[in-house]
Protein backbone atom coordinates (compact mmCIF):
# COMPACT_ATOMS: atom_id res chain seq x y z
CA UNK A 1 -47.50 162.62 -143.23
CA UNK A 2 -47.67 159.09 -142.09
CA UNK A 3 -50.87 158.47 -144.34
CA UNK A 4 -48.84 159.87 -147.32
CA UNK A 5 -45.97 157.60 -146.60
CA UNK A 6 -48.10 154.53 -146.26
CA UNK A 7 -50.11 155.26 -149.41
CA UNK A 8 -46.73 155.60 -151.22
CA UNK A 9 -45.48 152.32 -149.81
CA UNK A 10 -48.67 150.49 -150.75
CA UNK A 11 -48.58 151.97 -154.37
CA UNK A 12 -44.71 150.88 -154.68
CA UNK A 13 -45.82 147.18 -153.55
CA UNK A 14 -48.81 147.14 -155.84
CA UNK A 15 -46.54 148.32 -158.86
CA UNK A 16 -44.06 145.53 -158.00
CA UNK A 17 -46.75 142.83 -157.65
CA UNK A 18 -48.19 143.88 -161.07
CA UNK A 19 -44.98 144.31 -162.77
CA UNK A 20 -44.90 142.62 -166.28
CA UNK A 21 -41.97 140.47 -167.48
CA UNK A 22 -40.69 140.76 -171.01
CA UNK A 23 -40.95 137.66 -173.08
CA UNK A 24 -39.17 136.89 -176.37
CA UNK A 25 -41.54 136.50 -179.51
CA UNK A 26 -39.04 135.70 -182.29
CA UNK A 27 -39.68 131.99 -182.16
CA UNK A 28 -43.39 132.15 -182.27
CA UNK A 29 -44.76 130.06 -185.08
CA UNK A 30 -41.32 130.07 -186.76
CA UNK A 31 -39.45 127.09 -185.14
CA UNK A 32 -36.46 125.74 -186.92
CA UNK A 33 -34.26 122.73 -187.77
CA UNK A 34 -30.80 122.50 -186.74
CA UNK A 35 -28.54 119.54 -187.56
CA UNK A 36 -25.21 118.58 -186.26
CA UNK A 37 -22.66 116.34 -187.73
CA UNK A 38 -19.50 114.90 -186.47
CA UNK A 39 -17.62 111.66 -186.97
CA UNK A 40 -14.09 110.98 -185.69
CA UNK A 41 -12.25 112.57 -182.66
CA UNK A 42 -13.84 111.21 -179.64
CA UNK A 43 -16.11 112.83 -177.09
CA UNK A 44 -14.31 116.22 -177.05
CA UNK A 45 -15.78 116.64 -180.50
CA UNK A 46 -19.10 115.56 -179.76
CA UNK A 47 -20.55 115.84 -176.30
CA UNK A 48 -20.30 119.69 -175.55
CA UNK A 49 -21.95 120.40 -178.99
CA UNK A 50 -24.73 118.06 -178.20
CA UNK A 51 -25.31 119.92 -174.87
CA UNK A 52 -26.00 122.91 -176.94
CA UNK A 53 -28.07 120.99 -179.52
CA UNK A 54 -30.06 119.67 -176.35
CA UNK A 55 -30.79 123.25 -175.16
CA UNK A 56 -31.66 124.22 -178.62
CA UNK A 57 -34.28 121.31 -178.85
CA UNK A 58 -35.67 122.31 -175.32
CA UNK A 59 -36.34 125.73 -176.92
CA UNK A 60 -38.79 124.26 -179.35
CA UNK A 61 -36.65 123.70 -182.22
CA UNK A 62 -35.93 120.24 -184.13
CA UNK A 63 -32.47 118.92 -183.25
CA UNK A 64 -30.69 116.09 -185.24
CA UNK A 65 -27.20 114.44 -184.66
CA UNK A 66 -25.90 112.68 -187.59
CA UNK A 67 -22.87 110.43 -186.81
CA UNK A 68 -21.17 107.37 -187.65
CA UNK A 69 -22.44 103.98 -186.13
CA UNK A 70 -19.74 103.72 -183.21
CA UNK A 71 -20.26 107.32 -182.22
CA UNK A 72 -24.15 107.17 -181.83
CA UNK A 73 -23.54 106.36 -178.31
CA UNK A 74 -22.76 110.07 -177.65
CA UNK A 75 -26.37 111.03 -178.34
CA UNK A 76 -28.00 108.77 -176.08
CA UNK A 77 -28.18 111.08 -172.94
CA UNK A 78 -29.86 114.01 -174.83
CA UNK A 79 -33.64 113.43 -175.01
CA UNK A 80 -34.49 116.36 -177.37
CA UNK A 81 -31.89 115.30 -180.22
CA UNK A 82 -32.73 112.85 -182.79
CA UNK A 83 -29.66 110.55 -183.46
CA UNK A 84 -29.20 109.67 -187.14
CA UNK A 85 -26.68 106.62 -188.04
CA UNK A 86 -24.90 107.53 -191.24
CA UNK A 87 -22.95 104.26 -191.33
CA UNK A 88 -19.64 102.89 -190.31
CA UNK A 89 -16.52 104.85 -189.83
CA UNK A 90 -13.17 103.79 -191.17
CA UNK A 91 -10.73 105.63 -189.30
CA UNK A 92 -7.75 104.96 -186.86
CA UNK A 93 -8.94 101.96 -185.07
CA UNK A 94 -7.74 99.62 -187.59
CA UNK A 95 -4.86 101.72 -188.56
CA UNK A 96 -1.19 102.26 -187.17
CA UNK A 97 -1.70 106.18 -187.28
CA UNK A 98 -2.37 106.54 -183.40
CA UNK A 99 0.58 104.17 -182.56
CA UNK A 100 2.95 106.19 -184.78
CA UNK A 101 1.93 109.36 -183.11
CA UNK A 102 2.59 107.89 -179.50
CA UNK A 103 6.08 106.71 -180.97
CA UNK A 104 6.75 110.24 -181.48
CA UNK A 105 6.30 110.45 -185.43
CA UNK A 106 6.10 113.97 -186.79
CA UNK A 107 2.70 115.49 -187.31
CA UNK A 108 3.66 116.66 -190.45
CA UNK A 109 4.22 113.07 -191.57
CA UNK A 110 0.74 111.97 -190.00
CA UNK A 111 -1.45 114.70 -191.22
CA UNK A 112 -1.71 113.62 -194.66
CA UNK A 113 -2.67 110.19 -193.58
CA UNK A 114 -5.23 111.75 -191.20
CA UNK A 115 -6.84 113.76 -193.96
CA UNK A 116 -7.02 110.65 -196.30
CA UNK A 117 -8.62 108.51 -193.59
CA UNK A 118 -11.19 111.14 -192.68
CA UNK A 119 -12.22 111.41 -196.40
CA UNK A 120 -12.59 107.71 -196.70
CA UNK A 121 -16.28 107.75 -196.87
CA UNK A 122 -16.69 111.07 -198.48
CA UNK A 123 -18.93 110.02 -201.30
CA UNK A 124 -21.33 108.19 -199.21
CA UNK A 125 -21.41 110.80 -196.31
CA UNK A 126 -21.97 113.72 -198.84
CA UNK A 127 -24.87 111.89 -200.25
CA UNK A 128 -26.45 110.91 -196.98
CA UNK A 129 -26.00 114.57 -195.51
CA UNK A 130 -27.03 116.33 -198.64
CA UNK A 131 -30.38 114.08 -198.88
CA UNK A 132 -31.04 114.26 -195.15
CA UNK A 133 -30.71 118.24 -195.17
CA UNK A 134 -32.81 118.46 -198.27
CA UNK A 135 -35.61 116.19 -197.15
CA UNK A 136 -35.78 117.36 -193.77
CA UNK A 137 -35.45 121.17 -194.50
CA UNK A 138 -32.54 121.98 -192.42
CA UNK A 139 -32.19 125.47 -191.49
CA UNK A 140 -28.58 125.43 -190.02
CA UNK A 141 -25.77 123.00 -189.94
CA UNK A 142 -23.39 122.57 -187.05
CA UNK A 143 -20.21 120.99 -188.60
CA UNK A 144 -17.37 119.56 -186.73
CA UNK A 145 -14.14 121.10 -188.03
CA UNK A 146 -13.13 117.41 -189.06
CA UNK A 147 -16.45 116.99 -190.85
CA UNK A 148 -15.61 118.72 -194.06
CA UNK A 149 -18.38 116.76 -195.94
CA UNK A 150 -21.05 118.53 -193.62
CA UNK A 151 -19.60 122.16 -194.74
CA UNK A 152 -19.73 120.88 -198.43
CA UNK A 153 -23.24 119.55 -198.22
CA UNK A 154 -24.49 122.83 -196.39
CA UNK A 155 -22.64 124.98 -199.11
CA UNK A 156 -24.18 123.16 -201.93
CA UNK A 157 -27.74 123.62 -200.34
CA UNK A 158 -26.88 127.22 -199.32
CA UNK A 159 -27.57 126.33 -195.64
CA UNK A 160 -25.90 128.59 -193.19
CA UNK A 161 -23.51 126.59 -190.91
CA UNK A 162 -21.39 126.84 -187.85
CA UNK A 163 -18.00 125.25 -187.57
CA UNK A 164 -17.36 123.72 -184.01
CA UNK A 165 -14.22 123.09 -182.25
CA UNK A 166 -12.32 123.01 -179.16
CA UNK A 167 -9.35 124.93 -180.47
CA UNK A 168 -8.89 128.36 -182.08
CA UNK A 169 -7.10 127.49 -185.24
CA UNK A 170 -8.10 130.14 -187.70
CA UNK A 171 -6.19 133.31 -188.53
CA UNK A 172 -9.19 135.19 -187.20
CA UNK A 173 -8.56 133.68 -183.74
CA UNK A 174 -4.70 133.80 -184.03
CA UNK A 175 -1.81 136.29 -183.72
CA UNK A 176 1.74 136.53 -184.61
CA UNK A 177 2.78 135.15 -181.20
CA UNK A 178 0.14 132.19 -181.20
CA UNK A 179 0.98 128.82 -182.29
CA UNK A 180 -2.33 127.39 -183.69
CA UNK A 181 -1.30 125.30 -186.65
CA UNK A 182 -1.68 121.60 -185.88
CA UNK A 183 1.84 120.80 -186.83
CA UNK A 184 3.19 123.49 -184.27
CA UNK A 185 1.34 122.82 -180.99
CA UNK A 186 4.22 122.03 -178.83
CA UNK A 187 3.81 125.39 -177.09
CA UNK A 188 0.76 127.60 -177.20
CA UNK A 189 2.81 130.75 -178.06
CA UNK A 190 6.05 131.73 -179.03
CA UNK A 191 6.85 133.49 -175.88
CA UNK A 192 9.22 130.75 -174.62
CA UNK A 193 10.56 129.45 -178.07
CA UNK A 194 14.04 129.95 -179.45
CA UNK A 195 14.66 132.04 -182.42
CA UNK A 196 15.57 128.99 -184.34
CA UNK A 197 12.45 127.36 -183.30
CA UNK A 198 10.30 130.31 -184.51
CA UNK A 199 12.10 130.58 -187.74
CA UNK A 200 11.71 126.97 -188.36
CA UNK A 201 8.01 126.96 -187.60
CA UNK A 202 7.41 130.01 -189.99
CA UNK A 203 9.63 129.45 -192.90
CA UNK A 204 10.47 125.48 -193.06
CA UNK A 205 7.73 123.42 -191.29
CA UNK A 206 4.81 125.37 -192.70
CA UNK A 207 5.92 124.88 -196.21
CA UNK A 208 7.02 121.32 -195.69
CA UNK A 209 3.49 120.56 -194.54
CA UNK A 210 1.97 122.33 -197.42
CA UNK A 211 4.10 120.30 -199.62
CA UNK A 212 3.20 116.95 -198.04
CA UNK A 213 -0.34 117.86 -198.01
CA UNK A 214 -0.60 118.89 -201.70
CA UNK A 215 -1.00 115.58 -203.26
CA UNK A 216 -3.67 114.27 -200.65
CA UNK A 217 -5.67 117.41 -200.86
CA UNK A 218 -5.62 117.53 -204.85
CA UNK A 219 -6.85 114.13 -204.92
CA UNK A 220 -9.67 114.83 -202.62
CA UNK A 221 -10.38 117.86 -204.56
CA UNK A 222 -10.75 115.68 -207.80
CA UNK A 223 -13.22 113.37 -206.09
CA UNK A 224 -15.21 116.56 -205.02
CA UNK A 225 -15.34 117.98 -208.65
CA UNK A 226 -16.49 114.45 -209.82
CA UNK A 227 -19.64 115.17 -207.47
CA UNK A 228 -20.25 118.70 -208.91
CA UNK A 229 -18.54 120.49 -206.08
CA UNK A 230 -16.24 123.35 -206.77
CA UNK A 231 -13.16 122.48 -205.07
CA UNK A 232 -9.67 124.53 -204.90
CA UNK A 233 -6.37 124.15 -202.89
CA UNK A 234 -7.19 126.79 -200.23
CA UNK A 235 -7.02 126.92 -196.52
CA UNK A 236 -10.16 125.72 -194.67
CA UNK A 237 -10.44 129.34 -192.86
CA UNK A 238 -10.78 130.82 -196.48
CA UNK A 239 -13.93 128.53 -196.75
CA UNK A 240 -15.23 129.14 -193.50
CA UNK A 241 -14.49 132.90 -193.37
CA UNK A 242 -18.33 133.77 -193.41
CA UNK A 243 -19.34 131.27 -190.83
CA UNK A 244 -19.06 131.61 -187.15
CA UNK A 245 -16.63 129.36 -185.51
CA UNK A 246 -18.02 128.13 -182.04
CA UNK A 247 -15.10 127.34 -179.69
CA UNK A 248 -15.32 125.24 -176.59
CA UNK A 249 -12.60 127.21 -174.96
CA UNK A 250 -11.90 130.18 -172.73
CA UNK A 251 -8.92 132.45 -171.84
CA UNK A 252 -6.84 130.70 -169.25
CA UNK A 253 -6.93 127.30 -171.20
CA UNK A 254 -5.82 128.99 -174.28
CA UNK A 255 -3.64 131.88 -174.54
CA UNK A 256 -5.40 135.56 -174.57
CA UNK A 257 -5.26 137.46 -177.85
CA UNK A 258 -7.77 139.51 -179.97
CA UNK A 259 -10.70 137.41 -181.49
CA UNK A 260 -12.71 138.44 -184.62
CA UNK A 261 -16.30 138.84 -184.72
CA UNK A 262 -16.76 135.56 -186.48
CA UNK A 263 -15.62 133.43 -183.43
CA UNK A 264 -17.31 132.63 -180.35
CA UNK A 265 -15.85 131.26 -177.14
CA UNK A 266 -18.46 129.28 -175.17
CA UNK A 267 -16.32 126.92 -172.99
CA UNK A 268 -15.53 125.20 -171.10
CA UNK A 269 -18.81 123.36 -171.80
CA UNK A 270 -18.79 120.12 -169.52
CA UNK A 271 -21.73 117.88 -169.45
CA UNK A 272 -24.09 118.67 -166.59
CA UNK A 273 -25.02 114.99 -165.81
CA UNK A 274 -22.56 112.23 -165.30
CA UNK A 275 -22.56 108.51 -164.42
CA UNK A 276 -22.07 107.83 -160.96
CA UNK A 277 -19.57 105.59 -159.14
CA UNK A 278 -20.30 101.53 -159.21
CA UNK A 279 -20.54 99.95 -155.87
CA UNK A 280 -16.97 98.62 -156.37
CA UNK A 281 -15.38 101.96 -156.91
CA UNK A 282 -17.42 103.51 -154.04
CA UNK A 283 -16.29 101.06 -151.79
CA UNK A 284 -12.57 101.32 -153.00
CA UNK A 285 -12.45 105.09 -152.91
CA UNK A 286 -13.89 105.05 -149.34
CA UNK A 287 -11.17 102.82 -148.12
CA UNK A 288 -8.31 105.31 -149.69
CA UNK A 289 -7.62 108.85 -149.20
CA UNK A 290 -4.70 109.62 -151.78
CA UNK A 291 -5.64 107.89 -154.86
CA UNK A 292 -4.12 108.59 -158.37
CA UNK A 293 -6.65 108.37 -161.31
CA UNK A 294 -4.99 107.41 -164.71
CA UNK A 295 -6.90 108.04 -167.90
CA UNK A 296 -5.50 108.62 -171.45
CA UNK A 297 -8.72 109.38 -173.24
CA UNK A 298 -10.22 107.53 -176.24
CA UNK A 299 -7.92 108.19 -178.87
CA UNK A 300 -4.35 108.01 -177.43
CA UNK A 301 -2.78 104.48 -177.60
CA UNK A 302 0.36 104.45 -175.25
CA UNK A 303 3.36 102.26 -176.40
CA UNK A 304 4.60 99.30 -174.23
CA UNK A 305 7.37 101.48 -173.05
CA UNK A 306 4.96 104.28 -172.05
CA UNK A 307 3.00 101.65 -170.01
CA UNK A 308 5.89 100.40 -168.44
CA UNK A 309 7.09 103.58 -167.41
CA UNK A 310 3.75 104.99 -165.88
CA UNK A 311 3.22 101.79 -164.19
CA UNK A 312 6.56 101.79 -162.65
CA UNK A 313 6.17 105.12 -161.55
CA UNK A 314 2.74 104.49 -159.89
CA UNK A 315 4.19 101.45 -158.03
CA UNK A 316 7.22 103.63 -156.88
CA UNK A 317 4.90 106.31 -155.61
CA UNK A 318 2.77 103.65 -154.06
CA UNK A 319 5.76 102.04 -152.12
CA UNK A 320 6.97 105.52 -150.90
CA UNK A 321 3.43 106.43 -149.49
CA UNK A 322 2.97 109.33 -151.97
CA UNK A 323 -0.28 107.82 -152.98
CA UNK A 324 -2.25 104.88 -151.26
CA UNK A 325 -3.75 103.44 -154.43
CA UNK A 326 -4.29 104.14 -158.12
CA UNK A 327 -7.13 103.68 -160.60
CA UNK A 328 -6.30 103.12 -164.42
CA UNK A 329 -8.53 103.23 -167.12
CA UNK A 330 -6.98 100.83 -169.61
CA UNK A 331 -9.42 101.45 -172.53
CA UNK A 332 -6.83 101.72 -175.03
CA UNK A 333 -3.73 99.97 -173.32
CA UNK A 334 -4.78 96.60 -172.04
CA UNK A 335 -2.56 94.87 -174.40
CA UNK A 336 0.40 96.93 -173.82
CA UNK A 337 1.30 95.78 -170.24
CA UNK A 338 4.57 93.95 -169.46
CA UNK A 339 4.51 90.67 -167.59
CA UNK A 340 6.41 91.81 -164.52
CA UNK A 341 7.76 95.16 -163.06
CA UNK A 342 10.63 95.49 -160.82
CA UNK A 343 10.94 98.69 -158.85
CA UNK A 344 13.84 100.44 -157.34
CA UNK A 345 13.36 98.92 -154.02
CA UNK A 346 13.95 95.36 -155.74
CA UNK A 347 10.17 94.23 -155.33
CA UNK A 348 8.93 92.30 -158.55
CA UNK A 349 5.32 92.63 -159.31
CA UNK A 350 3.48 90.16 -161.36
CA UNK A 351 1.51 92.31 -163.79
CA UNK A 352 -1.15 89.64 -164.53
CA UNK A 353 -2.29 89.79 -160.75
CA UNK A 354 -2.64 93.53 -161.15
CA UNK A 355 -4.64 93.53 -164.10
CA UNK A 356 -7.03 90.90 -162.51
CA UNK A 357 -7.42 93.37 -159.60
CA UNK A 358 -5.76 91.19 -157.06
CA UNK A 359 -3.80 93.96 -155.58
CA UNK A 360 -5.91 95.56 -152.91
CA UNK A 361 -4.70 99.31 -153.70
CA UNK A 362 -4.95 98.96 -157.41
CA UNK A 363 -7.93 98.93 -159.78
CA UNK A 364 -7.54 98.14 -163.50
CA UNK A 365 -10.77 98.85 -165.43
CA UNK A 366 -11.71 99.01 -169.04
CA UNK A 367 -14.18 101.65 -168.58
CA UNK A 368 -14.69 104.26 -165.61
CA UNK A 369 -17.08 107.03 -164.81
CA UNK A 370 -14.13 109.50 -165.06
CA UNK A 371 -16.15 112.65 -163.73
CA UNK A 372 -17.40 110.84 -160.61
CA UNK A 373 -14.00 109.50 -159.93
CA UNK A 374 -12.43 113.07 -160.26
CA UNK A 375 -15.16 114.52 -157.99
CA UNK A 376 -14.56 112.18 -155.10
CA UNK A 377 -12.60 113.54 -152.36
CA UNK A 378 -10.29 110.61 -152.05
CA UNK A 379 -8.94 111.20 -155.64
CA UNK A 380 -5.73 113.46 -155.21
CA UNK A 381 -4.45 113.58 -158.65
CA UNK A 382 -5.21 112.97 -162.34
CA UNK A 383 -2.48 111.20 -164.58
CA UNK A 384 -3.74 112.46 -168.03
CA UNK A 385 -2.66 112.60 -171.61
CA UNK A 386 -3.53 116.23 -171.51
CA UNK A 387 -6.80 116.41 -173.89
CA UNK A 388 -8.75 119.44 -173.29
CA UNK A 389 -11.77 117.71 -172.17
CA UNK A 390 -9.90 115.93 -169.39
CA UNK A 391 -8.34 119.00 -168.40
CA UNK A 392 -11.71 120.84 -167.97
CA UNK A 393 -13.16 117.95 -165.91
CA UNK A 394 -9.94 117.67 -163.55
CA UNK A 395 -10.00 121.37 -162.79
CA UNK A 396 -13.62 121.58 -162.34
CA UNK A 397 -13.18 118.85 -159.79
CA UNK A 398 -10.35 120.93 -158.29
CA UNK A 399 -7.67 118.15 -158.91
CA UNK A 400 -4.19 118.85 -159.94
CA UNK A 401 -2.57 116.96 -162.95
CA UNK A 402 0.46 114.90 -164.01
CA UNK A 403 0.70 115.14 -167.72
CA UNK A 404 1.72 112.29 -170.07
CA UNK A 405 1.05 113.92 -173.60
CA UNK A 406 0.96 112.22 -176.71
CA UNK A 407 -0.09 114.35 -179.77
CA UNK A 408 -2.21 117.25 -181.16
CA UNK A 409 -2.94 119.85 -178.52
CA UNK A 410 -1.91 117.55 -175.54
CA UNK A 411 1.90 118.83 -175.45
CA UNK A 412 0.68 122.51 -175.68
CA UNK A 413 -2.08 121.79 -172.96
CA UNK A 414 0.60 120.30 -170.82
CA UNK A 415 3.05 122.98 -171.20
CA UNK A 416 0.30 125.46 -169.96
CA UNK A 417 -0.75 123.25 -167.01
CA UNK A 418 3.06 123.09 -166.01
CA UNK A 419 3.45 126.85 -166.66
CA UNK A 420 0.38 127.94 -164.57
CA UNK A 421 1.28 125.86 -161.71
CA UNK A 422 -1.62 123.23 -161.95
CA UNK A 423 0.69 120.32 -162.07
CA UNK A 424 3.77 118.70 -163.78
CA UNK A 425 4.73 116.80 -166.95
CA UNK A 426 6.04 113.35 -166.56
CA UNK A 427 9.23 113.17 -168.40
CA UNK A 428 9.56 109.95 -170.27
CA UNK A 429 13.41 109.87 -170.27
CA UNK A 430 13.74 110.32 -166.61
CA UNK A 431 14.03 107.77 -163.98
CA UNK A 432 10.57 106.51 -162.55
CA UNK A 433 11.92 106.55 -159.01
CA UNK A 434 12.78 110.27 -159.39
CA UNK A 435 9.55 110.96 -161.39
CA UNK A 436 7.52 109.43 -158.57
CA UNK A 437 8.34 112.35 -156.26
CA UNK A 438 6.11 114.50 -158.58
CA UNK A 439 3.06 112.66 -156.86
CA UNK A 440 4.10 114.08 -153.61
CA UNK A 441 5.10 117.54 -155.09
CA UNK A 442 1.68 117.98 -156.69
CA UNK A 443 0.02 118.49 -153.32
CA UNK A 444 1.98 121.41 -152.72
CA UNK A 445 -0.06 124.46 -151.28
CA UNK A 446 0.83 126.77 -154.06
CA UNK A 447 -0.26 124.18 -156.65
CA UNK A 448 -3.62 123.57 -154.81
CA UNK A 449 -4.27 127.44 -154.53
CA UNK A 450 -3.69 127.67 -158.33
CA UNK A 451 -5.97 124.60 -159.00
CA UNK A 452 -8.70 126.41 -156.93
CA UNK A 453 -8.40 129.61 -158.73
CA UNK A 454 -8.55 128.00 -162.21
CA UNK A 455 -11.45 125.85 -160.55
CA UNK A 456 -13.41 129.05 -160.00
CA UNK A 457 -12.69 130.32 -163.71
CA UNK A 458 -13.79 127.06 -164.94
CA UNK A 459 -17.09 126.76 -162.96
CA UNK A 460 -18.18 130.37 -163.54
CA UNK A 461 -17.69 130.04 -167.36
CA UNK A 462 -19.14 126.67 -167.59
CA UNK A 463 -22.36 127.48 -165.62
CA UNK A 464 -23.81 129.40 -168.79
CA UNK A 465 -21.78 128.10 -171.70
CA UNK A 466 -24.36 125.82 -172.97
CA UNK A 467 -26.90 128.73 -172.96
CA UNK A 468 -24.26 131.01 -174.68
CA UNK A 469 -23.77 128.49 -177.37
CA UNK A 470 -27.57 127.99 -177.93
CA UNK A 471 -27.91 131.89 -178.22
CA UNK A 472 -25.20 131.92 -180.89
CA UNK A 473 -27.11 129.08 -182.83
CA UNK A 474 -30.44 131.12 -182.55
CA UNK A 475 -28.56 134.37 -183.61
CA UNK A 476 -27.48 132.55 -186.88
CA UNK A 477 -30.88 130.99 -187.32
CA UNK A 478 -32.86 134.27 -187.23
CA UNK A 479 -30.39 136.97 -188.35
CA UNK A 480 -28.55 135.28 -191.51
CA UNK A 481 -29.10 136.82 -194.98
CA UNK A 482 -28.45 134.22 -197.55
CA UNK A 483 -26.41 132.40 -195.15
CA UNK A 484 -24.20 135.33 -194.04
CA UNK A 485 -24.29 137.61 -190.85
CA UNK A 486 -24.03 141.26 -192.15
CA UNK A 487 -23.98 142.64 -188.49
CA UNK A 488 -20.70 140.71 -187.91
CA UNK A 489 -18.95 141.83 -190.96
CA UNK A 490 -16.43 144.60 -189.94
CA UNK A 491 -16.68 147.75 -191.78
CA UNK A 492 -12.90 147.42 -192.47
CA UNK A 493 -13.60 144.79 -194.88
CA UNK A 494 -15.73 147.00 -197.02
CA UNK A 495 -13.22 149.59 -197.39
CA UNK A 496 -9.85 149.84 -199.14
CA UNK A 497 -6.78 148.77 -197.20
CA UNK A 498 -5.48 152.15 -196.93
CA UNK A 499 -8.82 153.61 -195.60
CA UNK A 500 -9.44 150.88 -193.17
CA UNK A 501 -6.00 151.14 -191.57
CA UNK A 502 -6.07 155.15 -191.84
CA UNK A 503 -2.92 154.88 -194.02
CA UNK A 504 -4.43 157.80 -196.17
CA UNK A 505 -4.73 159.99 -193.01
CA UNK A 506 -1.08 159.35 -191.91
CA UNK A 507 0.03 159.92 -195.61
CA UNK A 508 -1.66 163.21 -195.42
CA UNK A 509 -0.41 164.11 -192.12
CA UNK A 510 3.21 163.28 -193.31
CA UNK A 511 2.64 165.45 -196.38
CA UNK A 512 1.42 168.17 -194.27
CA UNK A 513 4.35 168.08 -191.90
CA UNK A 514 6.85 167.78 -194.94
CA UNK A 515 5.05 170.84 -196.76
CA UNK A 516 5.06 172.84 -193.58
CA UNK A 517 8.54 172.12 -192.84
CA UNK A 518 9.56 172.99 -196.43
CA UNK A 519 7.84 176.37 -195.98
CA UNK A 520 9.54 176.90 -192.75
CA UNK A 521 13.01 175.91 -194.20
CA UNK A 522 12.49 177.98 -197.33
CA UNK A 523 11.30 181.11 -195.18
CA UNK A 524 14.37 180.63 -192.81
CA UNK A 525 16.60 180.32 -195.93
CA UNK A 526 15.30 183.43 -197.46
CA UNK A 527 15.48 185.41 -194.43
CA UNK A 528 18.97 184.26 -194.11
CA UNK A 529 19.78 185.28 -197.75
CA UNK A 530 18.15 188.56 -197.02
CA UNK A 531 20.30 189.39 -193.95
CA UNK A 532 23.31 188.21 -195.85
CA UNK A 533 22.58 190.65 -198.50
CA UNK A 534 22.02 193.54 -196.39
CA UNK A 535 25.50 193.12 -194.52
CA UNK A 536 27.03 193.11 -197.86
CA UNK A 537 25.41 196.15 -198.80
CA UNK A 538 26.54 197.68 -195.47
CA UNK A 539 30.18 196.81 -196.21
CA UNK A 540 30.09 198.63 -199.47
């Protein structure tokens, strides 16, 4: 018995040792070329896709990144990605658009200007992308949703493409209760909206936006037709309906809803590597324990009024001991600071001294390693514009947030952050002395608990997000037929509306019920008449 048992164990060990591992073979001798193109929008439009592209390159494919001169910096950390400069970008840097947004101008009024600016170099970019795709035999294009020219170049050459975005903004990722139009992002859903707000958004704002966009879009369409591109006044999602939408998001950051087969959530993708702290920052953070970090991203340009409000609030918080220091990344706001600030206690601060870092508890820097600062244990709160990338980084580091939103998805993100108990929104119209109390309240145990739970969600999904994104890219590369993905097309799209929604079955059921009911009623009526006749005959 013992000998038999020993022999069985030995056989099991040998089988385990000699076990073989499955290896994929679909790439062998058939590597592809994937090109990604993006221009405006800042790092949230570039870095997460580049992380996916780098993984694609590590799998043996050729990976290219076509972007404007100022954005080529995003490609530097990725060793397997070839960065191609397509020329200068004429966008918002020398334009009042971002300042208008910060001043509270309606997105409906700004959007036509934004679309016009995005199309400034359309002819140049189209020629460059078309030539590059053709000469380099690109097999798949990844196109940022702002980069319509990339989609047009891929379409002209019949190359499959994937649309990349951090937001679910098509009907395929929408629902009747989801606000996913760019002009209606004050709240993520209609759950807490008034009847008036819902009615206005659905039947007034939407048509007002289309009316304002029509002249701009028709001019761009005419320019496209001059290049031989068939162009119509249609929603982008109609053009993209056969292409996968790759989304750097996950439920929790975006409201849960049903998502169609042509959309893939792979977020939150946060770059794995980050710049370490400088010696100066390391020393500063070591000497402090409750530091507020302020960063409004690369696109938001706060007004002078905004800067005065935030700076006053920070100084009030510092005086009251809610924080013991703050670091402000003044990338887009250096020229917006006042000469002096007077707090509620009557202390006057010379802002010139603060900007020159002469205050021991304050650091003002034009550039900072944001991720490294957020990860440091001395950082206690992130004062942010509410951009999705900043939200991801803050929660990954386990830091609560105080939101100061400007435009786009920032108000919606900020609304969600406050609703989920991850932080608060700074009310621009409130007294800075009162607002400063939020720096104390954001350290509440319940908020920290909520942040920790959201941190777990973020870290779980970010761990393999890049891999999932690269898998989707390879799926399109190796399974597309003429640029389309038949296996992702729902059977319902090949049926009539009645059949796909079982309306014919319901009609048959209703007809059957009506017919059966008619027979029953007729039978009862005839029986009644017969009984009535028999009674009459008896009485005769």
